[in-house]
């Protein structure tokens, strides 16, 4: 959206950009400007995927009718927040035809499935969890930007033991995991995996992961889990007199403790700053169902 872009038309789909102009100087100028803007954000163009020339010289790819239908269905199901619309979720399984399901399963079999097809599978193929779970390791390793889509898919997974094994294996081996991935895996664990045998290992691996950040750790310790030494871990942050994300998340994580234990710890925590007092008062007054 930079005002420095001069080309008459710029189209963008995710991380793909297309510049159109009848003036070669504008194209060249915009190309340099875009590279400079990307560089300031620590990004760069993929030279292997960058094409330049007349439109007539470029190969035009057509999308078959089945995929067009799937893309339209995806647009129906996904609302602006990225989650299925409530009025469509119950009937989602009945929206796909047999040909569309077969098409999606064929996408899963591709050894080099791309990100857009992976997202299409995660959004639409909820009835074939076994096939998708077999590809989940690839999705986790190759497509960190799909973390929220993975969370949304996992909400319908019935085989939570297999899911917990997959996530734990990724955490143990996924040294390149991003903050976003760690956050959403913590959310999956909180919502779905608390009764699985690997739950404690997953929480520990998330908190101690080499790429863990303040935000991803805060997500772990705000989970109202009192087993596995989680209460002691939260108290380490509550008793040092800090006013930061880890302290606030620890306070929120206390919400399932007994009022006597919780309020005693929060009373000391609340003295560190006005923000701490605000958080502590909110947690103390949460309804019991929280």
Protein backbone atom coordinates (compact mmCIF):
# COMPACT_ATOMS: atom_id res chain seq x y z
CA UNK A 1 0.00 0.00 0.00
CA UNK A 2 3.01 2.30 -0.22
CA UNK A 3 2.36 5.63 -1.93
CA UNK A 4 5.73 5.18 -3.65
CA UNK A 5 4.38 2.40 -5.87
CA UNK A 6 3.73 3.85 -9.34
CA UNK A 7 2.45 0.88 -11.34
CA UNK A 8 -1.16 1.15 -12.44
CA UNK A 9 -2.08 -2.19 -10.86
CA UNK A 10 -0.65 -4.28 -8.02
CA UNK A 11 -2.32 -7.57 -7.12
CA UNK A 12 -1.43 -9.58 -4.03
CA UNK A 13 -2.42 -13.06 -2.89
CA UNK A 14 -0.74 -14.03 0.40
CA UNK A 15 2.97 -13.58 -0.35
CA UNK A 16 2.64 -13.44 -4.15
CA UNK A 17 2.75 -9.99 -5.78
CA UNK A 18 1.97 -9.02 -9.37
CA UNK A 19 2.84 -5.62 -10.86
CA UNK A 20 1.25 -4.39 -14.07
CA UNK A 21 2.21 -1.32 -16.08
CA UNK A 22 2.75 -0.29 -19.69
CA UNK A 23 5.66 1.86 -18.49
CA UNK A 24 8.87 -0.14 -18.04
CA UNK A 25 10.44 2.57 -15.84
CA UNK A 26 7.58 2.31 -13.35
CA UNK A 27 7.96 -1.47 -13.13
CA UNK A 28 11.71 -1.21 -12.53
CA UNK A 29 11.28 1.55 -9.93
CA UNK A 30 8.56 -0.34 -8.07
CA UNK A 31 10.66 -3.52 -8.12
CA UNK A 32 13.49 -1.71 -6.33
CA UNK A 33 11.13 -0.05 -3.84
CA UNK A 34 9.45 -3.34 -2.95
CA UNK A 35 12.83 -5.02 -2.34
CA UNK A 36 13.84 -2.11 -0.09
CA UNK A 37 10.58 -2.32 1.91
CA UNK A 38 10.96 -6.08 2.30
CA UNK A 39 14.60 -5.71 3.36
CA UNK A 40 13.62 -3.30 6.14
CA UNK A 41 11.38 -6.07 7.51
CA UNK A 42 14.05 -8.76 7.25
CA UNK A 43 12.45 -10.33 4.17
CA UNK A 44 13.68 -10.91 0.63
CA UNK A 45 12.36 -11.92 -2.76
CA UNK A 46 12.71 -15.49 -3.99
CA UNK A 47 14.66 -15.01 -7.23
CA UNK A 48 13.66 -18.48 -8.47
CA UNK A 49 10.00 -17.45 -8.36
CA UNK A 50 10.43 -13.92 -9.73
CA UNK A 51 9.35 -13.41 -13.35
CA UNK A 52 9.63 -10.30 -15.49
CA UNK A 53 8.32 -9.61 -18.98
CA UNK A 54 5.26 -9.13 -21.13
CA UNK A 55 2.11 -10.85 -19.96
CA UNK A 56 1.87 -12.70 -23.26
CA UNK A 57 5.27 -14.31 -22.59
CA UNK A 58 4.26 -15.77 -19.24
CA UNK A 59 2.68 -19.16 -18.76
CA UNK A 60 -0.91 -18.75 -17.61
CA UNK A 61 -2.06 -21.49 -15.24
CA UNK A 62 -5.70 -22.46 -15.18
CA UNK A 63 -7.47 -23.84 -12.12
CA UNK A 64 -9.69 -26.84 -12.74
CA UNK A 65 -13.38 -26.75 -11.89
CA UNK A 66 -13.07 -28.96 -8.81
CA UNK A 67 -10.50 -26.70 -7.20
CA UNK A 68 -12.55 -23.62 -8.07
CA UNK A 69 -15.45 -25.19 -6.18
CA UNK A 70 -13.22 -26.02 -3.22
CA UNK A 71 -11.85 -22.47 -3.06
CA UNK A 72 -15.38 -21.09 -3.11
CA UNK A 73 -16.37 -23.49 -0.32
CA UNK A 74 -13.34 -22.47 1.71
CA UNK A 75 -14.42 -18.86 1.37
CA UNK A 76 -17.88 -19.78 2.67
CA UNK A 77 -16.55 -21.69 5.67
CA UNK A 78 -13.78 -19.36 6.82
CA UNK A 79 -14.89 -16.11 8.39
CA UNK A 80 -12.72 -13.04 8.86
CA UNK A 81 -11.06 -14.46 11.99
CA UNK A 82 -9.93 -17.63 10.24
CA UNK A 83 -12.30 -20.00 12.00
CA UNK A 84 -15.36 -21.79 10.60
CA UNK A 85 -18.56 -19.78 10.72
CA UNK A 86 -20.83 -21.07 13.46
CA UNK A 87 -23.78 -21.50 11.12
CA UNK A 88 -21.79 -23.69 8.72
CA UNK A 89 -19.72 -25.78 11.11
CA UNK A 90 -22.35 -28.45 11.83
CA UNK A 91 -23.08 -29.06 8.14
CA UNK A 92 -19.47 -28.84 6.97
CA UNK A 93 -19.11 -32.60 6.47
CA UNK A 94 -22.03 -32.62 4.04
CA UNK A 95 -20.69 -29.79 1.87
CA UNK A 96 -18.07 -31.85 0.02
CA UNK A 97 -18.86 -34.06 -2.94
CA UNK A 98 -17.12 -37.42 -3.44
CA UNK A 99 -15.04 -35.92 -6.27
CA UNK A 100 -13.93 -33.04 -4.04
CA UNK A 101 -12.93 -35.39 -1.24
CA UNK A 102 -10.94 -37.51 -3.68
CA UNK A 103 -9.27 -34.37 -5.03
CA UNK A 104 -8.22 -33.29 -1.52
CA UNK A 105 -6.92 -36.77 -0.71
CA UNK A 106 -4.85 -36.65 -3.91
CA UNK A 107 -3.39 -33.33 -2.77
CA UNK A 108 -2.32 -35.01 0.45
CA UNK A 109 -0.42 -37.64 -1.52
CA UNK A 110 1.73 -35.03 -3.26
CA UNK A 111 5.29 -35.30 -1.89
CA UNK A 112 5.82 -31.55 -2.30
CA UNK A 113 2.38 -30.23 -1.38
CA UNK A 114 2.43 -26.43 -1.36
CA UNK A 115 1.14 -24.16 1.39
CA UNK A 116 -2.08 -23.11 -0.33
CA UNK A 117 -3.11 -26.74 -0.94
CA UNK A 118 -2.13 -27.67 2.62
CA UNK A 119 -4.41 -24.92 3.93
CA UNK A 120 -7.24 -26.13 1.69
CA UNK A 121 -6.88 -29.63 3.16
CA UNK A 122 -6.82 -28.38 6.76
CA UNK A 123 -9.90 -26.24 6.25
CA UNK A 124 -12.03 -28.73 4.35
CA UNK A 125 -10.92 -32.31 5.05
CA UNK A 126 -12.02 -32.72 8.66
CA UNK A 127 -13.67 -36.08 8.02
CA UNK A 128 -10.40 -37.79 7.06
CA UNK A 129 -8.30 -37.16 10.14
CA UNK A 130 -6.09 -40.26 9.73
CA UNK A 131 -4.90 -39.21 6.28
CA UNK A 132 -4.29 -35.62 7.41
CA UNK A 133 -2.48 -36.67 10.60
CA UNK A 134 -0.09 -38.73 8.48
CA UNK A 135 0.92 -35.49 6.78
CA UNK A 136 0.85 -33.34 9.92
CA UNK A 137 4.60 -33.53 10.52
CA UNK A 138 5.18 -32.07 7.04
CA UNK A 139 2.67 -29.29 7.71
CA UNK A 140 4.33 -28.41 11.02
CA UNK A 141 7.84 -28.36 9.57
CA UNK A 142 7.13 -26.62 6.28
CA UNK A 143 4.22 -24.28 6.95
CA UNK A 144 4.57 -22.40 10.26
CA UNK A 145 2.11 -19.77 9.03
CA UNK A 146 -0.66 -22.41 9.05
CA UNK A 147 -0.46 -22.89 12.83
CA UNK A 148 -3.90 -21.46 13.44
CA UNK A 149 -5.37 -23.63 10.67
CA UNK A 150 -3.76 -26.65 12.31
CA UNK A 151 -5.36 -25.70 15.62
CA UNK A 152 -8.75 -25.36 13.95
CA UNK A 153 -8.38 -28.77 12.28
CA UNK A 154 -7.26 -30.41 15.52
CA UNK A 155 -10.45 -29.35 17.30
CA UNK A 156 -12.21 -32.14 15.40
CA UNK A 157 -9.53 -34.80 15.89
CA UNK A 158 -10.72 -37.82 17.88
CA UNK A 159 -7.38 -39.65 18.06
CA UNK A 160 -5.81 -37.26 20.56
CA UNK A 161 -3.12 -39.75 21.60
CA UNK A 162 -1.69 -39.84 18.07
CA UNK A 163 -1.99 -36.07 17.88
CA UNK A 164 -0.07 -35.64 21.16
CA UNK A 165 2.67 -37.98 19.89
CA UNK A 166 3.01 -35.94 16.69
CA UNK A 167 3.19 -32.62 18.51
CA UNK A 168 5.68 -33.87 21.08
CA UNK A 169 7.92 -35.30 18.37
CA UNK A 170 7.82 -31.97 16.54
CA UNK A 171 8.71 -30.07 19.71
CA UNK A 172 11.61 -32.42 20.46
CA UNK A 173 12.99 -32.19 16.91
CA UNK A 174 11.57 -28.90 15.65
CA UNK A 175 14.38 -26.54 16.52
CA UNK A 176 13.04 -24.09 13.93
CA UNK A 177 9.63 -23.79 15.58
CA UNK A 178 8.29 -20.25 15.58
CA UNK A 179 6.65 -18.32 18.41
CA UNK A 180 3.33 -18.64 16.58
CA UNK A 181 3.67 -22.43 16.38
CA UNK A 182 4.58 -22.75 20.05
CA UNK A 183 1.61 -20.57 21.02
CA UNK A 184 -0.93 -22.57 19.00
CA UNK A 185 0.48 -25.94 20.07
CA UNK A 186 0.03 -24.77 23.66
CA UNK A 187 -3.57 -23.86 22.80
CA UNK A 188 -4.14 -27.30 21.23
CA UNK A 189 -2.66 -28.93 24.33
CA UNK A 190 -4.81 -26.91 26.71
CA UNK A 191 -8.04 -27.57 24.84
CA UNK A 192 -7.55 -31.18 23.73
CA UNK A 193 -4.64 -33.04 25.29
CA UNK A 194 -4.95 -32.61 29.06
CA UNK A 195 -5.99 -36.26 29.51
CA UNK A 196 -3.30 -37.78 27.27
CA UNK A 197 -0.17 -39.48 28.72
CA UNK A 198 2.16 -37.04 26.92
CA UNK A 199 0.52 -33.86 28.25
CA UNK A 200 3.16 -33.13 30.89
CA UNK A 201 6.00 -33.71 28.41
CA UNK A 202 4.36 -31.39 25.90
CA UNK A 203 3.96 -28.57 28.43
CA UNK A 204 7.57 -28.99 29.54
CA UNK A 205 8.83 -29.06 25.94
CA UNK A 206 6.87 -25.93 25.11
CA UNK A 207 8.14 -23.99 28.10
CA UNK A 208 11.77 -25.09 27.72
CA UNK A 209 11.90 -25.04 23.92
CA UNK A 210 15.06 -23.37 22.51
CA UNK A 211 12.87 -20.93 20.57
CA UNK A 212 10.43 -20.23 23.39
CA UNK A 213 9.65 -16.54 23.87
CA UNK A 214 8.05 -14.56 26.66
CA UNK A 215 4.71 -14.78 24.85
CA UNK A 216 4.84 -18.52 24.16
CA UNK A 217 5.91 -19.25 27.75
CA UNK A 218 3.17 -16.96 29.04
CA UNK A 219 0.63 -19.00 27.10
CA UNK A 220 1.85 -22.18 28.81
CA UNK A 221 1.76 -20.88 32.37
CA UNK A 222 -1.64 -19.22 32.00
CA UNK A 223 -3.15 -22.69 31.49
CA UNK A 224 -5.07 -23.48 34.72
CA UNK A 225 -3.20 -26.74 35.28
CA UNK A 226 -2.13 -27.62 38.83
CA UNK A 227 -0.40 -30.93 38.10
CA UNK A 228 3.20 -31.50 37.01
CA UNK A 229 4.60 -28.70 39.18
CA UNK A 230 2.79 -26.02 37.20
CA UNK A 231 1.67 -24.28 40.38
CA UNK A 232 5.25 -24.07 41.64
CA UNK A 233 6.39 -22.77 38.25
CA UNK A 234 3.81 -19.99 38.37
CA UNK A 235 4.77 -19.03 41.91
CA UNK A 236 8.38 -18.56 40.78
CA UNK A 237 7.16 -15.66 38.66
CA UNK A 238 4.64 -14.35 41.18
CA UNK A 239 7.04 -14.05 44.11
CA UNK A 240 9.86 -12.07 42.51
CA UNK A 241 7.96 -8.79 42.43
CA UNK A 242 7.95 -8.36 38.65
CA UNK A 243 5.29 -6.78 36.49
CA UNK A 244 5.58 -8.47 33.11
CA UNK A 245 3.84 -10.97 30.83
CA UNK A 246 5.13 -14.01 32.68
CA UNK A 247 3.93 -12.65 36.02
CA UNK A 248 0.52 -11.67 34.65
CA UNK A 249 0.08 -15.02 32.88
CA UNK A 250 1.06 -16.82 36.09
CA UNK A 251 -1.60 -14.89 37.98
CA UNK A 252 -4.23 -15.87 35.42
CA UNK A 253 -3.05 -19.48 35.60
CA UNK A 254 -3.89 -19.49 39.34
CA UNK A 255 -7.61 -19.18 38.64
CA UNK A 256 -8.30 -22.88 39.20
CA UNK A 257 -6.45 -23.09 42.54
CA UNK A 258 -8.28 -23.04 45.85
CA UNK A 259 -9.21 -19.48 46.88
CA UNK A 260 -7.00 -19.63 49.99
CA UNK A 261 -3.89 -20.69 48.09
CA UNK A 262 -4.58 -18.41 45.13
CA UNK A 263 -5.43 -15.25 47.04
CA UNK A 264 -2.44 -15.52 49.37
CA UNK A 265 -0.01 -15.65 46.45
CA UNK A 266 -1.85 -12.96 44.48
CA UNK A 267 -1.87 -10.57 47.45
CA UNK A 268 1.92 -10.46 47.42
CA UNK A 269 2.02 -10.27 43.62
CA UNK A 270 -0.43 -7.34 43.53
CA UNK A 271 1.90 -5.07 45.53
CA UNK A 272 4.49 -4.85 42.72
CA UNK A 273 2.54 -2.46 40.45
CA UNK A 274 -0.92 -1.06 39.69
CA UNK A 275 -1.14 -3.42 36.71
CA UNK A 276 -0.39 -6.40 38.95
CA UNK A 277 -3.12 -5.30 41.35
CA UNK A 278 -5.60 -4.97 38.48
CA UNK A 279 -4.79 -8.48 37.20
CA UNK A 280 -4.92 -9.94 40.71
CA UNK A 281 -8.31 -8.36 41.45
CA UNK A 282 -9.70 -9.67 38.16
CA UNK A 283 -8.51 -13.23 38.87
CA UNK A 284 -9.83 -13.17 42.43
CA UNK A 285 -13.27 -12.18 41.19
CA UNK A 286 -13.57 -14.66 38.35
CA UNK A 287 -16.64 -16.91 38.59
CA UNK A 288 -15.94 -20.43 39.84
CA UNK A 289 -16.57 -21.95 36.39
CA UNK A 290 -13.32 -20.37 35.18
